Amino acid sequence: MIPLKQYCFSFDPWGLLLFLLVMLPNFIWFAVPAPNDILRTDSVTPVVDAIGSVFQVLTVACLCLVIHTSRSKLRFSPLIVATIICIAIYYIGWVLYYTASVNPIVIFLLTLPPCLAFIFFAADRKNLPAILFATVFAVCHLVFAVLNFIK
């Protein structure tokens, strides 16, 4: 049970920035297809994808709108550094994907680091609802990646 009185609704611009940083390569991908673009194939896991999408929205909503009342100011804590490293690894995955280096490692680089970035950021912000939602999203995203592209 999450003690709800420890949270309030407010806007966290850092949560929105994290979401936009994760989505930036996706926006580019929507506009500019990669050479060996296997990500555009039809999914074999539509139910898992739908569940993952719901939990991704819930994750982002919590990161942007749910604030733990005793969290500290944002600083370069180990969890924030881990978040930044995950985003950098994720971007490396996209660079590899666009150089037509599509293999299971690249698929994992596109799958796990953004999920971990959400979880590390939420942990730093003491945002238990976001951690829970991001964990479910991560499981769905991993199932999607494995069943669709790694098998």
N, C-alpha and C. Protein backbone atom coordinates (compact mmCIF):
# COMPACT_ATOMS: atom_id res chain seq x y z
N MET A 1 0.84 -1.18 0.00
CA MET A 1 0.00 0.00 0.00
C MET A 1 0.89 1.25 0.00
N ILE A 2 0.59 2.16 -0.90
CA ILE A 2 1.34 3.41 -1.00
C ILE A 2 0.69 4.44 -0.08
N PRO A 3 1.47 4.99 0.87
CA PRO A 3 0.91 6.03 1.75
C PRO A 3 0.69 7.32 0.95
N LEU A 4 -0.52 7.54 0.50
CA LEU A 4 -0.82 8.64 -0.41
C LEU A 4 -0.62 10.02 0.19
N LYS A 5 -0.69 10.14 1.52
CA LYS A 5 -0.53 11.46 2.11
C LYS A 5 0.90 11.98 2.01
N GLN A 6 1.84 11.11 1.58
CA GLN A 6 3.23 11.54 1.36
C GLN A 6 3.42 12.16 -0.03
N TYR A 7 2.34 12.21 -0.82
CA TYR A 7 2.43 12.71 -2.19
C TYR A 7 1.46 13.86 -2.39
N CYS A 8 1.80 14.71 -3.34
CA CYS A 8 0.88 15.76 -3.76
C CYS A 8 0.94 15.86 -5.28
N PHE A 9 -0.06 16.50 -5.84
CA PHE A 9 -0.07 16.72 -7.28
C PHE A 9 0.55 18.09 -7.56
N SER A 10 1.57 18.07 -8.38
CA SER A 10 2.24 19.29 -8.81
C SER A 10 2.95 18.96 -10.10
N PHE A 11 3.59 19.92 -10.72
CA PHE A 11 4.28 19.68 -11.97
C PHE A 11 5.78 19.59 -11.74
N ASP A 12 6.40 18.52 -12.24
CA ASP A 12 7.85 18.36 -12.16
C ASP A 12 8.43 18.48 -13.57
N PRO A 13 9.03 19.63 -13.88
CA PRO A 13 9.58 19.81 -15.23
C PRO A 13 10.70 18.81 -15.55
N TRP A 14 11.40 18.32 -14.53
CA TRP A 14 12.47 17.35 -14.76
C TRP A 14 11.91 16.01 -15.24
N GLY A 15 10.74 15.63 -14.75
CA GLY A 15 10.08 14.42 -15.24
C GLY A 15 9.70 14.56 -16.70
N LEU A 16 9.19 15.73 -17.06
CA LEU A 16 8.84 15.99 -18.47
C LEU A 16 10.10 15.98 -19.34
N LEU A 17 11.17 16.60 -18.85
CA LEU A 17 12.43 16.60 -19.62
C LEU A 17 12.93 15.19 -19.85
N LEU A 18 12.87 14.35 -18.83
CA LEU A 18 13.30 12.96 -19.00
C LEU A 18 12.46 12.27 -20.07
N PHE A 19 11.15 12.44 -20.01
CA PHE A 19 10.28 11.83 -21.00
C PHE A 19 10.64 12.31 -22.41
N LEU A 20 10.86 13.61 -22.57
CA LEU A 20 11.20 14.16 -23.88
C LEU A 20 12.55 13.63 -24.37
N LEU A 21 13.51 13.48 -23.45
CA LEU A 21 14.81 12.93 -23.84
C LEU A 21 14.68 11.48 -24.31
N VAL A 22 13.81 10.73 -23.66
CA VAL A 22 13.58 9.34 -24.07
C VAL A 22 12.85 9.31 -25.41
N MET A 23 11.92 10.21 -25.60
CA MET A 23 11.11 10.20 -26.83
C MET A 23 11.82 10.81 -28.03
N LEU A 24 12.82 11.65 -27.83
CA LEU A 24 13.49 12.33 -28.95
C LEU A 24 13.93 11.38 -30.06
N PRO A 25 14.64 10.28 -29.75
CA PRO A 25 15.01 9.37 -30.84
C PRO A 25 13.80 8.74 -31.52
N ASN A 26 12.71 8.54 -30.78
CA ASN A 26 11.49 8.00 -31.36
C ASN A 26 10.87 8.99 -32.35
N PHE A 27 10.89 10.27 -32.02
CA PHE A 27 10.37 11.29 -32.93
C PHE A 27 11.18 11.28 -34.23
N ILE A 28 12.50 11.18 -34.09
CA ILE A 28 13.37 11.12 -35.28
C ILE A 28 13.04 9.86 -36.08
N TRP A 29 12.89 8.72 -35.39
CA TRP A 29 12.59 7.46 -36.05
C TRP A 29 11.25 7.52 -36.79
N PHE A 30 10.24 8.18 -36.20
CA PHE A 30 8.95 8.32 -36.88
C PHE A 30 9.12 9.05 -38.21
N ALA A 31 9.99 10.06 -38.23
CA ALA A 31 10.16 10.90 -39.41
C ALA A 31 11.17 10.32 -40.41
N VAL A 32 12.21 9.67 -39.91
CA VAL A 32 13.30 9.18 -40.76
C VAL A 32 13.53 7.70 -40.48
N PRO A 33 13.04 6.83 -41.35
CA PRO A 33 13.23 5.39 -41.13
C PRO A 33 14.72 5.00 -41.16
N ALA A 34 15.05 4.02 -40.36
CA ALA A 34 16.42 3.49 -40.35
C ALA A 34 16.61 2.54 -41.54
N PRO A 35 17.86 2.29 -41.93
CA PRO A 35 18.12 1.43 -43.10
C PRO A 35 17.53 0.02 -42.97
N ASN A 36 17.77 -0.65 -41.88
CA ASN A 36 17.27 -2.02 -41.66
C ASN A 36 16.24 -1.94 -40.55
N ASP A 37 15.10 -1.34 -40.85
CA ASP A 37 14.14 -0.92 -39.83
C ASP A 37 13.17 -2.04 -39.42
N ILE A 38 13.67 -2.95 -38.62
CA ILE A 38 12.82 -4.07 -38.19
C ILE A 38 11.76 -3.63 -37.19
N LEU A 39 11.92 -2.46 -36.58
CA LEU A 39 10.96 -1.99 -35.58
C LEU A 39 9.61 -1.62 -36.20
N ARG A 40 9.56 -1.50 -37.51
CA ARG A 40 8.30 -1.14 -38.18
C ARG A 40 7.47 -2.35 -38.57
N THR A 41 7.91 -3.54 -38.21
CA THR A 41 7.13 -4.75 -38.52
C THR A 41 5.95 -4.86 -37.55
N ASP A 42 4.95 -5.61 -37.97
CA ASP A 42 3.78 -5.83 -37.11
C ASP A 42 4.19 -6.61 -35.86
N SER A 43 3.67 -6.20 -34.74
CA SER A 43 3.97 -6.84 -33.46
C SER A 43 3.21 -8.15 -33.31
N VAL A 44 3.86 -9.12 -32.69
CA VAL A 44 3.20 -10.39 -32.37
C VAL A 44 2.67 -10.37 -30.93
N THR A 45 2.81 -9.25 -30.25
CA THR A 45 2.37 -9.13 -28.86
C THR A 45 1.45 -7.93 -28.65
N PRO A 46 0.35 -7.83 -29.39
CA PRO A 46 -0.48 -6.62 -29.28
C PRO A 46 -1.07 -6.38 -27.90
N VAL A 47 -1.42 -7.43 -27.18
CA VAL A 47 -2.00 -7.25 -25.84
C VAL A 47 -0.93 -6.73 -24.87
N VAL A 48 0.25 -7.33 -24.92
CA VAL A 48 1.35 -6.86 -24.08
C VAL A 48 1.71 -5.42 -24.44
N ASP A 49 1.70 -5.10 -25.73
CA ASP A 49 2.01 -3.74 -26.18
C ASP A 49 1.00 -2.74 -25.63
N ALA A 50 -0.28 -3.12 -25.65
CA ALA A 50 -1.33 -2.22 -25.14
C ALA A 50 -1.17 -2.01 -23.63
N ILE A 51 -0.91 -3.08 -22.92
CA ILE A 51 -0.69 -2.96 -21.46
C ILE A 51 0.54 -2.08 -21.20
N GLY A 52 1.60 -2.32 -21.95
CA GLY A 52 2.82 -1.52 -21.80
C GLY A 52 2.56 -0.06 -22.08
N SER A 53 1.77 0.24 -23.09
CA SER A 53 1.46 1.63 -23.41
C SER A 53 0.71 2.32 -22.28
N VAL A 54 -0.25 1.61 -21.70
CA VAL A 54 -1.00 2.17 -20.57
C VAL A 54 -0.05 2.47 -19.41
N PHE A 55 0.83 1.52 -19.10
CA PHE A 55 1.74 1.73 -17.98
C PHE A 55 2.82 2.77 -18.30
N GLN A 56 3.17 2.92 -19.56
CA GLN A 56 4.10 3.99 -19.93
C GLN A 56 3.44 5.35 -19.68
N VAL A 57 2.19 5.51 -20.07
CA VAL A 57 1.47 6.76 -19.83
C VAL A 57 1.36 7.02 -18.32
N LEU A 58 1.01 5.99 -17.56
CA LEU A 58 0.91 6.15 -16.10
C LEU A 58 2.26 6.52 -15.49
N THR A 59 3.34 5.92 -16.01
CA THR A 59 4.69 6.25 -15.53
C THR A 59 4.99 7.72 -15.76
N VAL A 60 4.79 8.16 -16.99
CA VAL A 60 5.11 9.55 -17.33
C VAL A 60 4.21 10.52 -16.56
N ALA A 61 2.94 10.17 -16.42
CA ALA A 61 2.04 11.02 -15.64
C ALA A 61 2.54 11.16 -14.20
N CYS A 62 2.96 10.05 -13.61
CA CYS A 62 3.48 10.11 -12.23
C CYS A 62 4.79 10.88 -12.16
N LEU A 63 5.67 10.67 -13.13
CA LEU A 63 6.94 11.40 -13.12
C LEU A 63 6.72 12.91 -13.23
N CYS A 64 5.72 13.30 -13.98
CA CYS A 64 5.48 14.73 -14.22
C CYS A 64 4.55 15.38 -13.21
N LEU A 65 3.66 14.59 -12.59
CA LEU A 65 2.58 15.20 -11.80
C LEU A 65 2.49 14.76 -10.35
N VAL A 66 3.18 13.68 -9.97
CA VAL A 66 3.11 13.19 -8.59
C VAL A 66 4.44 13.51 -7.89
N ILE A 67 4.35 14.23 -6.80
CA ILE A 67 5.54 14.70 -6.09
C ILE A 67 5.54 14.14 -4.67
N HIS A 68 6.64 13.53 -4.27
CA HIS A 68 6.79 13.10 -2.88
C HIS A 68 7.12 14.34 -2.07
N THR A 69 6.41 14.53 -0.98
CA THR A 69 6.53 15.77 -0.21
C THR A 69 7.88 15.92 0.49
N SER A 70 8.61 14.81 0.70
CA SER A 70 9.90 14.94 1.40
C SER A 70 11.10 14.74 0.48
N ARG A 71 10.89 14.79 -0.81
CA ARG A 71 12.03 14.62 -1.72
C ARG A 71 12.94 15.84 -1.63
N SER A 72 14.20 15.62 -1.96
CA SER A 72 15.16 16.72 -1.93
C SER A 72 15.18 17.42 -3.29
N LYS A 73 15.87 18.54 -3.36
CA LYS A 73 16.03 19.21 -4.64
C LYS A 73 16.83 18.31 -5.58
N LEU A 74 16.58 18.47 -6.86
CA LEU A 74 17.29 17.65 -7.84
C LEU A 74 18.77 18.02 -7.82
N ARG A 75 19.60 16.99 -7.70
CA ARG A 75 21.05 17.17 -7.68
C ARG A 75 21.66 15.96 -8.36
N PHE A 76 22.95 15.98 -8.57
CA PHE A 76 23.62 14.85 -9.22
C PHE A 76 23.88 13.73 -8.21
N SER A 77 22.83 13.09 -7.80
CA SER A 77 22.93 11.95 -6.90
C SER A 77 23.34 10.73 -7.73
N PRO A 78 23.73 9.64 -7.10
CA PRO A 78 24.05 8.43 -7.87
C PRO A 78 22.88 7.96 -8.75
N LEU A 79 21.65 8.11 -8.30
CA LEU A 79 20.51 7.69 -9.12
C LEU A 79 20.30 8.60 -10.33
N ILE A 80 20.56 9.88 -10.18
CA ILE A 80 20.46 10.80 -11.33
C ILE A 80 21.60 10.53 -12.30
N VAL A 81 22.78 10.26 -11.80
CA VAL A 81 23.90 9.89 -12.68
C VAL A 81 23.56 8.60 -13.43
N ALA A 82 22.97 7.63 -12.75
CA ALA A 82 22.55 6.39 -13.41
C ALA A 82 21.50 6.68 -14.48
N THR A 83 20.60 7.61 -14.21
CA THR A 83 19.59 8.00 -15.20
C THR A 83 20.26 8.57 -16.44
N ILE A 84 21.22 9.46 -16.24
CA ILE A 84 21.93 10.08 -17.37
C ILE A 84 22.71 9.04 -18.16
N ILE A 85 23.34 8.11 -17.47
CA ILE A 85 24.09 7.04 -18.15
C ILE A 85 23.13 6.17 -18.98
N CYS A 86 21.97 5.86 -18.42
CA CYS A 86 20.97 5.07 -19.17
C CYS A 86 20.53 5.80 -20.44
N ILE A 87 20.31 7.09 -20.35
CA ILE A 87 19.92 7.86 -21.54
C ILE A 87 21.05 7.84 -22.57
N ALA A 88 22.29 7.99 -22.12
CA ALA A 88 23.43 7.95 -23.05
C ALA A 88 23.54 6.58 -23.73
N ILE A 89 23.38 5.52 -22.96
CA ILE A 89 23.42 4.17 -23.53
C ILE A 89 22.28 3.98 -24.54
N TYR A 90 21.12 4.47 -24.20
CA TYR A 90 19.96 4.40 -25.09
C TYR A 90 20.24 5.12 -26.41
N TYR A 91 20.84 6.29 -26.34
CA TYR A 91 21.19 7.03 -27.55
C TYR A 91 22.23 6.27 -28.37
N ILE A 92 23.17 5.64 -27.70
CA ILE A 92 24.16 4.80 -28.41
C ILE A 92 23.44 3.68 -29.15
N GLY A 93 22.45 3.08 -28.51
CA GLY A 93 21.65 2.04 -29.15
C GLY A 93 20.98 2.55 -30.42
N TRP A 94 20.45 3.76 -30.37
CA TRP A 94 19.82 4.34 -31.56
C TRP A 94 20.84 4.61 -32.66
N VAL A 95 22.01 5.09 -32.30
CA VAL A 95 23.07 5.31 -33.30
C VAL A 95 23.42 3.98 -33.96
N LEU A 96 23.59 2.94 -33.18
CA LEU A 96 23.89 1.62 -33.74
C LEU A 96 22.74 1.13 -34.62
N TYR A 97 21.51 1.35 -34.19
CA TYR A 97 20.35 0.93 -34.97
C TYR A 97 20.34 1.62 -36.34
N TYR A 98 20.67 2.91 -36.36
CA TYR A 98 20.68 3.66 -37.61
C TYR A 98 21.89 3.34 -38.49
N THR A 99 22.90 2.69 -37.93
CA THR A 99 24.02 2.26 -38.77
C THR A 99 23.80 0.83 -39.26
N ALA A 100 22.56 0.36 -39.15
CA ALA A 100 22.14 -0.96 -39.62
C ALA A 100 22.77 -2.09 -38.82
N SER A 101 23.19 -1.79 -37.61
CA SER A 101 23.72 -2.83 -36.71
C SER A 101 22.58 -3.35 -35.85
N VAL A 102 21.71 -4.12 -36.46
CA VAL A 102 20.54 -4.62 -35.73
C VAL A 102 20.83 -6.05 -35.28
N ASN A 103 20.92 -6.20 -33.97
CA ASN A 103 21.17 -7.50 -33.36
C ASN A 103 20.55 -7.47 -31.96
N PRO A 104 20.54 -8.60 -31.26
CA PRO A 104 19.91 -8.62 -29.94
C PRO A 104 20.47 -7.58 -28.95
N ILE A 105 21.75 -7.32 -29.00
CA ILE A 105 22.33 -6.33 -28.08
C ILE A 105 21.74 -4.95 -28.36
N VAL A 106 21.64 -4.59 -29.61
CA VAL A 106 21.07 -3.28 -29.96
C VAL A 106 19.60 -3.22 -29.54
N ILE A 107 18.87 -4.30 -29.75
CA ILE A 107 17.46 -4.32 -29.32
C ILE A 107 17.38 -4.12 -27.81
N PHE A 108 18.25 -4.77 -27.05
CA PHE A 108 18.25 -4.56 -25.60
C PHE A 108 18.64 -3.13 -25.24
N LEU A 109 19.56 -2.51 -26.00
CA LEU A 109 19.94 -1.12 -25.75
C LEU A 109 18.78 -0.16 -26.00
N LEU A 110 17.87 -0.55 -26.90
CA LEU A 110 16.70 0.28 -27.16
C LEU A 110 15.55 -0.02 -26.19
N THR A 111 15.67 -1.10 -25.45
CA THR A 111 14.58 -1.55 -24.59
C THR A 111 14.81 -1.25 -23.11
N LEU A 112 15.91 -1.72 -22.57
CA LEU A 112 16.12 -1.63 -21.12
C LEU A 112 16.57 -0.26 -20.60
N PRO A 113 17.55 0.40 -21.22
CA PRO A 113 18.02 1.68 -20.64
C PRO A 113 16.94 2.75 -20.45
N PRO A 114 16.00 2.93 -21.41
CA PRO A 114 15.00 3.98 -21.12
C PRO A 114 14.10 3.61 -19.94
N CYS A 115 13.78 2.34 -19.82
CA CYS A 115 12.97 1.89 -18.67
C CYS A 115 13.73 2.10 -17.36
N LEU A 116 15.00 1.73 -17.38
CA LEU A 116 15.82 1.92 -16.18
C LEU A 116 15.98 3.40 -15.85
N ALA A 117 16.06 4.24 -16.87
CA ALA A 117 16.16 5.69 -16.64
C ALA A 117 14.93 6.18 -15.88
N PHE A 118 13.75 5.72 -16.30
CA PHE A 118 12.52 6.10 -15.59
C PHE A 118 12.55 5.61 -14.15
N ILE A 119 12.99 4.38 -13.95
CA ILE A 119 13.01 3.79 -12.60
C ILE A 119 14.02 4.50 -11.71
N PHE A 120 15.23 4.75 -12.22
CA PHE A 120 16.25 5.44 -11.42
C PHE A 120 15.80 6.85 -11.06
N PHE A 121 15.22 7.57 -12.04
CA PHE A 121 14.75 8.92 -11.77
C PHE A 121 13.64 8.90 -10.72
N ALA A 122 12.70 7.98 -10.88
CA ALA A 122 11.59 7.87 -9.92
C ALA A 122 12.11 7.53 -8.53
N ALA A 123 13.11 6.65 -8.46
CA ALA A 123 13.69 6.30 -7.15
C ALA A 123 14.34 7.52 -6.52
N ASP A 124 15.06 8.31 -7.31
CA ASP A 124 15.69 9.52 -6.77
C ASP A 124 14.64 10.49 -6.25
N ARG A 125 13.52 10.57 -6.94
CA ARG A 125 12.44 11.50 -6.56
C ARG A 125 11.51 10.91 -5.52
N LYS A 126 11.81 9.70 -5.02
CA LYS A 126 10.98 9.00 -4.02
C LYS A 126 9.55 8.79 -4.52
N ASN A 127 9.41 8.53 -5.80
CA ASN A 127 8.10 8.44 -6.43
C ASN A 127 7.74 6.96 -6.62
N LEU A 128 7.22 6.36 -5.55
CA LEU A 128 6.89 4.93 -5.58
C LEU A 128 5.85 4.58 -6.64
N PRO A 129 4.79 5.38 -6.83
CA PRO A 129 3.86 5.02 -7.91
C PRO A 129 4.55 4.94 -9.27
N ALA A 130 5.43 5.89 -9.57
CA ALA A 130 6.15 5.87 -10.85
C ALA A 130 7.07 4.66 -10.95
N ILE A 131 7.70 4.28 -9.84
CA ILE A 131 8.56 3.09 -9.85
C ILE A 131 7.74 1.85 -10.19
N LEU A 132 6.59 1.73 -9.55
CA LEU A 132 5.74 0.56 -9.81
C LEU A 132 5.25 0.52 -11.25
N PHE A 133 4.75 1.64 -11.75
CA PHE A 133 4.26 1.69 -13.12
C PHE A 133 5.40 1.47 -14.12
N ALA A 134 6.56 2.06 -13.85
CA ALA A 134 7.71 1.90 -14.76
C ALA A 134 8.21 0.47 -14.77
N THR A 135 8.11 -0.21 -13.66
CA THR A 135 8.53 -1.62 -13.61
C THR A 135 7.63 -2.49 -14.47
N VAL A 136 6.32 -2.27 -14.38
CA VAL A 136 5.39 -3.03 -15.24
C VAL A 136 5.64 -2.68 -16.71
N PHE A 137 5.85 -1.40 -17.00
CA PHE A 137 6.16 -0.99 -18.37
C PHE A 137 7.44 -1.68 -18.85
N ALA A 138 8.46 -1.73 -18.00
CA ALA A 138 9.73 -2.36 -18.37
C ALA A 138 9.54 -3.84 -18.71
N VAL A 139 8.75 -4.54 -17.91
CA VAL A 139 8.49 -5.96 -18.17
C VAL A 139 7.78 -6.11 -19.52
N CYS A 140 6.76 -5.30 -19.76
CA CYS A 140 6.04 -5.38 -21.04
C CYS A 140 6.96 -5.04 -22.21
N HIS A 141 7.79 -4.01 -22.04
CA HIS A 141 8.70 -3.59 -23.11
C HIS A 141 9.72 -4.70 -23.40
N LEU A 142 10.18 -5.36 -22.37
CA LEU A 142 11.14 -6.46 -22.54
C LEU A 142 10.47 -7.66 -23.22
N VAL A 143 9.27 -8.00 -22.80
CA VAL A 143 8.53 -9.10 -23.44
C VAL A 143 8.33 -8.79 -24.93
N PHE A 144 7.92 -7.55 -25.23
CA PHE A 144 7.75 -7.11 -26.61
C PHE A 144 9.05 -7.31 -27.40
N ALA A 145 10.15 -6.84 -26.86
CA ALA A 145 11.43 -6.91 -27.57
C ALA A 145 11.86 -8.36 -27.81
N VAL A 146 11.77 -9.17 -26.78
CA VAL A 146 12.22 -10.56 -26.89
C VAL A 146 11.35 -11.34 -27.87
N LEU A 147 10.04 -11.25 -27.71
CA LEU A 147 9.15 -12.06 -28.54
C LEU A 147 9.07 -11.59 -29.99
N ASN A 148 9.30 -10.29 -30.21
CA ASN A 148 9.21 -9.76 -31.56
C ASN A 148 10.53 -9.77 -32.32
N PHE A 149 11.65 -9.60 -31.62
CA PHE A 149 12.91 -9.37 -32.33
C PHE A 149 14.06 -10.30 -31.94
N ILE A 150 13.95 -10.98 -30.82
CA ILE A 150 15.08 -11.81 -30.38
C ILE A 150 14.74 -13.29 -30.47
N LYS A 151 13.59 -13.69 -30.02
CA LYS A 151 13.06 -15.06 -30.09
C LYS A 151 14.10 -16.04 -29.65
